[in-house]
Amino acid sequence: MNALPEVHRLSFYTSYRQFYLVDSDVKYDTASPDFWSAEAIKRGLAVGDGVLGVGTASYGHIRFFFQVAASEPTLPLSPWQRVVEGSIHLTKGRFAIIDCPDSNVEIEGNCPPGDHRLRVYGAFLDQVVEGTHGDDYFDFYWLVLWPAAYSEPRALKVFDEAGKS
């Protein structure tokens, strides 16, 4: 029987509706005007050398599960409002999830060096908490990182802000 990959529960404060998965051994640039292009904003995922930017509904406290898997995840798409994925090359297999803009390391880990895909599942992207300042949401994410050939980012399920689906 194969052991299930460990799932980490994370909860932290991040600003500007984003956080990052980074290659710990590469100097990355999240300030480039090309990083959060109009297409990346619509998709909810930005891709750069040594960095993936995850777009969130919340400007503040976020929560999610994170796991490193041996192969492509098999979570069904149906309960999620947005599902996107992008590639990152991990030069020495060291990665970190960091907040924005302070770059505080929220979790770090190791995996085999090389190309990996990060799939981001997002839910409750339209759930504002009544009686708050407008940036307190129930949004929730599940991130899965696995070894895979480097390829273009793609949206498996798009969240339509206007249609709320």
N, C-alpha and C. Protein backbone atom coordinates (compact mmCIF):
# COMPACT_ATOMS: atom_id res chain seq x y z
N MET A 1 0.85 -1.19 0.00
CA MET A 1 0.00 0.00 0.00
C MET A 1 0.89 1.24 0.00
N ASN A 2 0.60 2.21 -0.88
CA ASN A 2 1.37 3.44 -0.96
C ASN A 2 0.89 4.44 0.08
N ALA A 3 1.84 5.11 0.69
CA ALA A 3 1.49 6.15 1.66
C ALA A 3 0.97 7.38 0.92
N LEU A 4 -0.03 8.03 1.50
CA LEU A 4 -0.55 9.26 0.92
C LEU A 4 0.44 10.38 1.17
N PRO A 5 0.60 11.30 0.20
CA PRO A 5 1.49 12.44 0.42
C PRO A 5 0.98 13.28 1.59
N GLU A 6 1.91 13.84 2.33
CA GLU A 6 1.54 14.68 3.46
C GLU A 6 0.88 15.96 2.97
N VAL A 7 -0.22 16.32 3.60
CA VAL A 7 -0.94 17.55 3.27
C VAL A 7 -0.70 18.54 4.39
N HIS A 8 -0.24 19.73 4.03
CA HIS A 8 0.03 20.78 5.01
C HIS A 8 -1.11 21.78 5.00
N ARG A 9 -1.60 22.15 6.16
CA ARG A 9 -2.61 23.20 6.28
C ARG A 9 -1.89 24.49 6.57
N LEU A 10 -2.15 25.51 5.75
CA LEU A 10 -1.52 26.81 5.94
C LEU A 10 -2.58 27.88 6.09
N SER A 11 -2.23 28.87 6.88
CA SER A 11 -3.09 30.02 7.10
C SER A 11 -2.17 31.18 7.47
N PHE A 12 -2.21 32.24 6.66
CA PHE A 12 -1.34 33.38 6.93
C PHE A 12 -1.88 34.63 6.28
N TYR A 13 -1.26 35.76 6.58
CA TYR A 13 -1.67 37.04 6.04
C TYR A 13 -0.79 37.37 4.83
N THR A 14 -1.42 37.78 3.75
CA THR A 14 -0.70 38.21 2.56
C THR A 14 -1.44 39.39 1.95
N SER A 15 -0.72 40.27 1.32
CA SER A 15 -1.32 41.48 0.75
C SER A 15 -1.41 41.39 -0.77
N TYR A 16 -2.10 42.36 -1.33
CA TYR A 16 -2.21 42.52 -2.78
C TYR A 16 -2.82 41.32 -3.49
N ARG A 17 -3.60 40.54 -2.74
CA ARG A 17 -4.32 39.38 -3.31
C ARG A 17 -3.39 38.41 -4.05
N GLN A 18 -2.26 38.09 -3.41
CA GLN A 18 -1.33 37.15 -4.03
C GLN A 18 -0.34 36.60 -3.02
N PHE A 19 0.19 35.43 -3.33
CA PHE A 19 1.34 34.86 -2.64
C PHE A 19 2.10 34.03 -3.67
N TYR A 20 3.25 33.48 -3.27
CA TYR A 20 4.13 32.87 -4.27
C TYR A 20 4.66 31.51 -3.83
N LEU A 21 4.88 30.66 -4.84
CA LEU A 21 5.70 29.47 -4.68
C LEU A 21 6.98 29.77 -5.44
N VAL A 22 8.13 29.65 -4.76
CA VAL A 22 9.40 30.06 -5.37
C VAL A 22 10.44 28.95 -5.31
N ASP A 23 11.36 29.00 -6.26
CA ASP A 23 12.56 28.20 -6.21
C ASP A 23 13.50 28.91 -5.24
N SER A 24 13.85 28.27 -4.15
CA SER A 24 14.67 28.90 -3.12
C SER A 24 16.08 29.23 -3.58
N ASP A 25 16.49 28.69 -4.71
CA ASP A 25 17.86 28.88 -5.19
C ASP A 25 17.96 29.79 -6.40
N VAL A 26 16.91 30.55 -6.70
CA VAL A 26 16.89 31.41 -7.87
C VAL A 26 16.47 32.81 -7.46
N LYS A 27 17.09 33.81 -8.06
CA LYS A 27 16.66 35.20 -7.85
C LYS A 27 15.49 35.44 -8.80
N TYR A 28 14.31 35.63 -8.25
CA TYR A 28 13.10 35.80 -9.05
C TYR A 28 12.65 37.25 -8.96
N ASP A 29 11.77 37.64 -9.88
CA ASP A 29 11.30 39.02 -9.94
C ASP A 29 9.78 39.05 -10.06
N THR A 30 9.11 39.44 -8.97
CA THR A 30 7.65 39.56 -9.00
C THR A 30 7.21 40.97 -9.33
N ALA A 31 8.16 41.89 -9.46
CA ALA A 31 7.82 43.29 -9.74
C ALA A 31 7.83 43.59 -11.24
N SER A 32 8.23 42.66 -12.05
CA SER A 32 8.25 42.86 -13.50
C SER A 32 6.83 43.15 -13.99
N PRO A 33 6.66 44.13 -14.87
CA PRO A 33 5.32 44.42 -15.38
C PRO A 33 4.72 43.25 -16.17
N ASP A 34 5.57 42.35 -16.66
CA ASP A 34 5.08 41.20 -17.41
C ASP A 34 4.61 40.06 -16.51
N PHE A 35 5.00 40.09 -15.23
CA PHE A 35 4.67 38.97 -14.33
C PHE A 35 3.16 38.86 -14.15
N TRP A 36 2.52 39.91 -13.65
CA TRP A 36 1.06 39.90 -13.50
C TRP A 36 0.44 40.59 -14.71
N SER A 37 0.56 39.97 -15.86
CA SER A 37 -0.05 40.47 -17.09
C SER A 37 -1.57 40.39 -16.96
N ALA A 38 -2.28 41.00 -17.89
CA ALA A 38 -3.75 40.93 -17.88
C ALA A 38 -4.20 39.47 -17.97
N GLU A 39 -3.51 38.68 -18.77
CA GLU A 39 -3.85 37.26 -18.90
C GLU A 39 -3.61 36.51 -17.58
N ALA A 40 -2.49 36.79 -16.91
CA ALA A 40 -2.19 36.14 -15.63
C ALA A 40 -3.21 36.53 -14.57
N ILE A 41 -3.62 37.79 -14.55
CA ILE A 41 -4.63 38.23 -13.59
C ILE A 41 -5.94 37.50 -13.83
N LYS A 42 -6.36 37.43 -15.09
CA LYS A 42 -7.61 36.73 -15.42
C LYS A 42 -7.53 35.25 -15.04
N ARG A 43 -6.38 34.65 -15.30
CA ARG A 43 -6.18 33.23 -15.00
C ARG A 43 -6.08 32.99 -13.49
N GLY A 44 -5.50 33.97 -12.76
CA GLY A 44 -5.29 33.80 -11.32
C GLY A 44 -3.97 33.14 -10.99
N LEU A 45 -3.05 33.14 -11.96
CA LEU A 45 -1.74 32.51 -11.78
C LEU A 45 -0.73 33.21 -12.68
N ALA A 46 0.34 33.71 -12.08
CA ALA A 46 1.42 34.35 -12.82
C ALA A 46 2.62 33.40 -12.84
N VAL A 47 3.37 33.42 -13.94
CA VAL A 47 4.51 32.53 -14.11
C VAL A 47 5.74 33.35 -14.47
N GLY A 48 6.83 33.13 -13.72
CA GLY A 48 8.10 33.78 -14.00
C GLY A 48 9.23 32.81 -13.74
N ASP A 49 10.45 33.22 -14.04
CA ASP A 49 11.61 32.37 -13.79
C ASP A 49 11.76 32.15 -12.29
N GLY A 50 11.58 30.92 -11.85
CA GLY A 50 11.76 30.57 -10.45
C GLY A 50 10.63 31.00 -9.53
N VAL A 51 9.49 31.39 -10.08
CA VAL A 51 8.38 31.86 -9.23
C VAL A 51 7.04 31.65 -9.92
N LEU A 52 6.07 31.23 -9.11
CA LEU A 52 4.67 31.19 -9.52
C LEU A 52 3.89 32.07 -8.57
N GLY A 53 3.09 32.98 -9.09
CA GLY A 53 2.25 33.86 -8.27
C GLY A 53 0.83 33.34 -8.25
N VAL A 54 0.30 33.11 -7.07
CA VAL A 54 -1.07 32.62 -6.91
C VAL A 54 -1.97 33.80 -6.56
N GLY A 55 -2.95 34.07 -7.40
CA GLY A 55 -3.91 35.13 -7.14
C GLY A 55 -4.99 34.66 -6.19
N THR A 56 -5.38 35.52 -5.25
CA THR A 56 -6.40 35.17 -4.25
C THR A 56 -7.55 36.17 -4.30
N ALA A 57 -8.68 35.78 -3.77
CA ALA A 57 -9.82 36.70 -3.64
C ALA A 57 -9.59 37.62 -2.45
N SER A 58 -8.94 37.12 -1.42
CA SER A 58 -8.71 37.88 -0.19
C SER A 58 -7.51 38.80 -0.30
N TYR A 59 -7.65 39.95 0.29
CA TYR A 59 -6.52 40.85 0.50
C TYR A 59 -6.27 40.79 2.00
N GLY A 60 -5.55 39.79 2.42
CA GLY A 60 -5.35 39.60 3.85
C GLY A 60 -5.18 38.14 4.19
N HIS A 61 -5.98 37.67 5.09
CA HIS A 61 -5.85 36.32 5.62
C HIS A 61 -6.32 35.29 4.58
N ILE A 62 -5.46 34.32 4.29
CA ILE A 62 -5.83 33.24 3.39
C ILE A 62 -5.57 31.91 4.06
N ARG A 63 -6.19 30.88 3.51
CA ARG A 63 -6.01 29.53 4.05
C ARG A 63 -6.05 28.54 2.91
N PHE A 64 -5.23 27.50 3.03
CA PHE A 64 -5.18 26.49 1.98
C PHE A 64 -4.46 25.25 2.46
N PHE A 65 -4.60 24.19 1.66
CA PHE A 65 -3.85 22.97 1.82
C PHE A 65 -2.75 22.99 0.75
N PHE A 66 -1.60 22.40 1.11
CA PHE A 66 -0.50 22.28 0.16
C PHE A 66 0.08 20.88 0.27
N GLN A 67 0.35 20.28 -0.88
CA GLN A 67 0.99 18.97 -0.86
C GLN A 67 1.92 18.81 -2.04
N VAL A 68 2.94 18.00 -1.83
CA VAL A 68 3.83 17.57 -2.90
C VAL A 68 3.42 16.14 -3.23
N ALA A 69 3.11 15.89 -4.50
CA ALA A 69 2.61 14.59 -4.92
C ALA A 69 3.58 13.95 -5.91
N ALA A 70 3.46 12.65 -6.08
CA ALA A 70 4.32 11.92 -7.01
C ALA A 70 3.83 12.03 -8.45
N SER A 71 2.56 12.36 -8.62
CA SER A 71 1.99 12.44 -9.97
C SER A 71 0.85 13.46 -10.00
N GLU A 72 0.32 13.67 -11.19
CA GLU A 72 -0.75 14.64 -11.38
C GLU A 72 -1.92 14.36 -10.43
N PRO A 73 -2.46 15.40 -9.79
CA PRO A 73 -3.56 15.20 -8.85
C PRO A 73 -4.83 14.74 -9.54
N THR A 74 -5.67 14.07 -8.78
CA THR A 74 -6.91 13.53 -9.33
C THR A 74 -8.15 14.12 -8.66
N LEU A 75 -8.00 15.24 -7.97
CA LEU A 75 -9.17 15.88 -7.38
C LEU A 75 -10.15 16.23 -8.49
N PRO A 76 -11.45 16.02 -8.30
CA PRO A 76 -12.42 16.39 -9.33
C PRO A 76 -12.52 17.92 -9.45
N LEU A 77 -12.83 18.39 -10.64
CA LEU A 77 -12.94 19.82 -10.88
C LEU A 77 -14.27 20.39 -10.40
N SER A 78 -15.30 19.56 -10.34
CA SER A 78 -16.66 20.06 -10.12
C SER A 78 -16.88 20.93 -8.88
N PRO A 79 -16.32 20.63 -7.71
CA PRO A 79 -16.65 21.50 -6.58
C PRO A 79 -15.87 22.82 -6.55
N TRP A 80 -14.89 22.98 -7.42
CA TRP A 80 -14.01 24.14 -7.39
C TRP A 80 -14.48 25.21 -8.35
N GLN A 81 -14.25 26.48 -8.01
CA GLN A 81 -14.64 27.58 -8.89
C GLN A 81 -13.54 27.91 -9.90
N ARG A 82 -12.29 27.70 -9.53
CA ARG A 82 -11.17 27.97 -10.43
C ARG A 82 -10.13 26.87 -10.23
N VAL A 83 -9.59 26.38 -11.35
CA VAL A 83 -8.50 25.41 -11.31
C VAL A 83 -7.50 25.83 -12.39
N VAL A 84 -6.29 26.17 -11.96
CA VAL A 84 -5.25 26.62 -12.88
C VAL A 84 -3.95 25.91 -12.54
N GLU A 85 -3.05 25.86 -13.52
CA GLU A 85 -1.76 25.26 -13.24
C GLU A 85 -0.68 25.91 -14.09
N GLY A 86 0.54 25.86 -13.54
CA GLY A 86 1.70 26.40 -14.21
C GLY A 86 2.94 25.63 -13.83
N SER A 87 3.99 25.81 -14.61
CA SER A 87 5.24 25.08 -14.40
C SER A 87 6.28 25.95 -13.72
N ILE A 88 7.16 25.28 -12.99
CA ILE A 88 8.31 25.92 -12.36
C ILE A 88 9.48 24.94 -12.42
N HIS A 89 10.66 25.46 -12.67
CA HIS A 89 11.86 24.63 -12.62
C HIS A 89 12.52 24.84 -11.27
N LEU A 90 12.69 23.78 -10.51
CA LEU A 90 13.34 23.84 -9.20
C LEU A 90 14.76 23.32 -9.37
N THR A 91 15.72 24.24 -9.39
CA THR A 91 17.10 23.91 -9.74
C THR A 91 17.71 22.86 -8.83
N LYS A 92 17.51 22.99 -7.53
CA LYS A 92 18.06 22.02 -6.57
C LYS A 92 16.95 21.30 -5.80
N GLY A 93 15.71 21.51 -6.22
CA GLY A 93 14.58 20.84 -5.57
C GLY A 93 14.13 21.51 -4.29
N ARG A 94 14.62 22.71 -4.02
CA ARG A 94 14.21 23.43 -2.81
C ARG A 94 13.17 24.48 -3.18
N PHE A 95 12.06 24.51 -2.45
CA PHE A 95 11.00 25.46 -2.73
C PHE A 95 10.51 26.09 -1.43
N ALA A 96 9.81 27.20 -1.58
CA ALA A 96 9.19 27.87 -0.44
C ALA A 96 7.89 28.51 -0.90
N ILE A 97 6.95 28.62 0.01
CA ILE A 97 5.75 29.43 -0.20
C ILE A 97 5.94 30.67 0.65
N ILE A 98 5.82 31.84 0.01
CA ILE A 98 6.07 33.10 0.71
C ILE A 98 4.89 34.05 0.53
N ASP A 99 4.75 34.96 1.49
CA ASP A 99 3.68 35.95 1.42
C ASP A 99 4.10 37.13 0.56
N CYS A 100 3.20 38.07 0.41
CA CYS A 100 3.45 39.30 -0.33
C CYS A 100 3.08 40.47 0.57
N PRO A 101 3.83 41.52 0.65
CA PRO A 101 5.07 41.82 -0.05
C PRO A 101 6.31 41.52 0.77
N ASP A 102 6.17 41.02 1.99
CA ASP A 102 7.32 40.87 2.89
C ASP A 102 8.20 39.67 2.60
N SER A 103 7.72 38.73 1.80
CA SER A 103 8.46 37.51 1.46
C SER A 103 8.78 36.66 2.68
N ASN A 104 7.86 36.65 3.65
CA ASN A 104 8.02 35.75 4.80
C ASN A 104 7.81 34.32 4.32
N VAL A 105 8.69 33.42 4.72
CA VAL A 105 8.56 32.01 4.35
C VAL A 105 7.49 31.38 5.23
N GLU A 106 6.44 30.86 4.59
CA GLU A 106 5.34 30.22 5.32
C GLU A 106 5.56 28.71 5.43
N ILE A 107 6.18 28.14 4.42
CA ILE A 107 6.55 26.72 4.44
C ILE A 107 7.66 26.55 3.42
N GLU A 108 8.58 25.65 3.71
CA GLU A 108 9.61 25.32 2.74
C GLU A 108 9.79 23.82 2.72
N GLY A 109 10.32 23.32 1.61
CA GLY A 109 10.48 21.88 1.50
C GLY A 109 11.41 21.51 0.37
N ASN A 110 11.55 20.22 0.19
CA ASN A 110 12.42 19.66 -0.83
C ASN A 110 11.66 18.64 -1.65
N CYS A 111 12.06 18.53 -2.88
CA CYS A 111 11.54 17.52 -3.79
C CYS A 111 12.64 17.26 -4.81
N PRO A 112 12.49 16.30 -5.69
CA PRO A 112 13.53 16.08 -6.69
C PRO A 112 13.74 17.34 -7.55
N PRO A 113 14.97 17.70 -7.87
CA PRO A 113 15.19 18.85 -8.74
C PRO A 113 14.60 18.59 -10.13
N GLY A 114 14.30 19.68 -10.83
CA GLY A 114 13.78 19.57 -12.19
C GLY A 114 12.47 20.33 -12.35
N ASP A 115 11.76 19.99 -13.41
CA ASP A 115 10.50 20.66 -13.74
C ASP A 115 9.34 20.08 -12.94
N HIS A 116 8.47 20.97 -12.51
CA HIS A 116 7.28 20.60 -11.73
C HIS A 116 6.09 21.42 -12.20
N ARG A 117 4.88 20.92 -11.92
CA ARG A 117 3.65 21.65 -12.16
C ARG A 117 3.03 21.95 -10.80
N LEU A 118 2.42 23.12 -10.71
CA LEU A 118 1.63 23.48 -9.54
C LEU A 118 0.20 23.66 -10.01
N ARG A 119 -0.71 22.88 -9.44
CA ARG A 119 -2.13 23.06 -9.72
C ARG A 119 -2.76 23.74 -8.52
N VAL A 120 -3.54 24.77 -8.80
CA VAL A 120 -4.21 25.56 -7.76
C VAL A 120 -5.71 25.41 -7.94
N TYR A 121 -6.34 24.81 -6.94
CA TYR A 121 -7.80 24.70 -6.89
C TYR A 121 -8.30 25.82 -5.99
N GLY A 122 -9.31 26.57 -6.42
CA GLY A 122 -9.85 27.66 -5.61
C GLY A 122 -11.35 27.52 -5.44
N ALA A 123 -11.82 27.79 -4.21
CA ALA A 123 -13.26 27.71 -3.91
C ALA A 123 -13.68 28.89 -3.05
N PHE A 124 -14.96 29.16 -3.02
CA PHE A 124 -15.56 30.25 -2.23
C PHE A 124 -14.94 31.60 -2.61
N LEU A 125 -14.66 31.78 -3.89
CA LEU A 125 -14.00 32.99 -4.35
C LEU A 125 -14.92 34.21 -4.33
N ASP A 126 -16.20 33.98 -4.16
CA ASP A 126 -17.18 35.07 -4.17
C ASP A 126 -17.88 35.24 -2.82
N GLN A 127 -17.33 34.68 -1.77
CA GLN A 127 -18.01 34.67 -0.47
C GLN A 127 -17.48 35.75 0.46
N VAL A 128 -17.99 36.95 0.35
CA VAL A 128 -17.61 38.04 1.25
C VAL A 128 -18.29 37.83 2.59
N VAL A 129 -17.57 38.09 3.66
CA VAL A 129 -18.14 37.98 5.00
C VAL A 129 -18.93 39.25 5.27
N GLU A 130 -20.21 39.11 5.55
CA GLU A 130 -21.07 40.26 5.80
C GLU A 130 -20.59 41.05 7.01
N GLY A 131 -20.66 42.38 6.92
CA GLY A 131 -20.31 43.24 8.04
C GLY A 131 -18.82 43.46 8.22
N THR A 132 -18.02 43.16 7.21
CA THR A 132 -16.58 43.38 7.31
C THR A 132 -16.18 44.51 6.37
N HIS A 133 -14.91 44.76 6.26
CA HIS A 133 -14.40 45.84 5.43
C HIS A 133 -14.42 45.51 3.94
N GLY A 134 -14.88 44.34 3.57
CA GLY A 134 -14.96 43.98 2.16
C GLY A 134 -13.83 43.12 1.66
N ASP A 135 -12.78 42.96 2.44
CA ASP A 135 -11.68 42.12 2.01
C ASP A 135 -11.54 40.87 2.86
N ASP A 136 -12.52 40.57 3.65
CA ASP A 136 -12.51 39.33 4.41
C ASP A 136 -13.40 38.33 3.69
N TYR A 137 -12.79 37.29 3.17
CA TYR A 137 -13.49 36.30 2.37
C TYR A 137 -13.34 34.93 3.02
N PHE A 138 -14.09 33.99 2.49
CA PHE A 138 -13.96 32.60 2.89
C PHE A 138 -13.13 31.82 1.88
N ASP A 139 -12.49 32.50 0.92
CA ASP A 139 -11.80 31.79 -0.14
C ASP A 139 -10.83 30.76 0.43
N PHE A 140 -10.74 29.65 -0.30
CA PHE A 140 -9.94 28.51 0.15
C PHE A 140 -9.26 27.90 -1.07
N TYR A 141 -8.04 27.40 -0.87
CA TYR A 141 -7.25 26.86 -1.98
C TYR A 141 -6.63 25.52 -1.60
N TRP A 142 -6.41 24.71 -2.61
CA TRP A 142 -5.67 23.46 -2.46
C TRP A 142 -4.60 23.49 -3.54
N LEU A 143 -3.33 23.46 -3.14
CA LEU A 143 -2.20 23.51 -4.07
C LEU A 143 -1.50 22.16 -4.08
N VAL A 144 -1.25 21.65 -5.28
CA VAL A 144 -0.55 20.38 -5.43
C VAL A 144 0.62 20.59 -6.39
N LEU A 145 1.82 20.20 -5.94
CA LEU A 145 3.04 20.29 -6.73
C LEU A 145 3.49 18.88 -7.06
N TRP A 146 3.78 18.63 -8.35
CA TRP A 146 4.23 17.31 -8.75
C TRP A 146 5.22 17.43 -9.90
N PRO A 147 6.11 16.42 -10.08
CA PRO A 147 7.06 16.45 -11.19
C PRO A 147 6.33 16.28 -12.52
N ALA A 148 6.64 17.17 -13.47
CA ALA A 148 6.01 17.10 -14.80
C ALA A 148 6.82 17.95 -15.76
N ALA A 149 6.75 17.62 -17.02
CA ALA A 149 7.45 18.39 -18.05
C ALA A 149 6.98 19.85 -18.03
N TYR A 150 7.90 20.75 -18.29
CA TYR A 150 7.60 22.18 -18.31
C TYR A 150 6.66 22.47 -19.48
N SER A 151 5.58 23.18 -19.22
CA SER A 151 4.65 23.56 -20.28
C SER A 151 3.95 24.86 -19.91
N GLU A 152 3.23 25.40 -20.85
CA GLU A 152 2.55 26.68 -20.67
C GLU A 152 1.51 26.61 -19.56
N PRO A 153 1.25 27.73 -18.89
CA PRO A 153 0.17 27.74 -17.90
C PRO A 153 -1.17 27.50 -18.58
N ARG A 154 -2.09 26.94 -17.82
CA ARG A 154 -3.41 26.72 -18.39
C ARG A 154 -4.48 26.78 -17.30
N ALA A 155 -5.66 27.15 -17.74
CA ALA A 155 -6.82 27.19 -16.85
C ALA A 155 -7.69 25.99 -17.18
N LEU A 156 -7.88 25.12 -16.18
CA LEU A 156 -8.75 23.96 -16.36
C LEU A 156 -10.20 24.33 -16.06
N LYS A 157 -10.37 25.34 -15.20
CA LYS A 157 -11.70 25.84 -14.88
C LYS A 157 -11.54 27.31 -14.51
N VAL A 158 -12.26 28.18 -15.21
CA VAL A 158 -12.13 29.62 -15.04
C VAL A 158 -13.24 30.14 -14.13
N PHE A 159 -12.87 31.01 -13.20
CA PHE A 159 -13.85 31.67 -12.34
C PHE A 159 -14.33 32.93 -13.05
N ASP A 160 -15.62 32.99 -13.31
CA ASP A 160 -16.22 34.14 -13.97
C ASP A 160 -16.74 35.08 -12.91
N GLU A 161 -16.00 36.16 -12.66
CA GLU A 161 -16.36 37.13 -11.62
C GLU A 161 -17.76 37.69 -11.86
N ALA A 162 -18.09 37.99 -13.11
CA ALA A 162 -19.40 38.56 -13.41
C ALA A 162 -20.51 37.54 -13.19
N GLY A 163 -20.26 36.30 -13.64
CA GLY A 163 -21.27 35.25 -13.51
C GLY A 163 -21.17 34.46 -12.21
N LYS A 164 -20.09 34.70 -11.45
CA LYS A 164 -19.87 34.03 -10.16
C LYS A 164 -19.89 32.52 -10.29
N SER A 165 -19.21 31.99 -11.33
CA SER A 165 -19.13 30.54 -11.44
C SER A 165 -17.77 30.10 -11.92
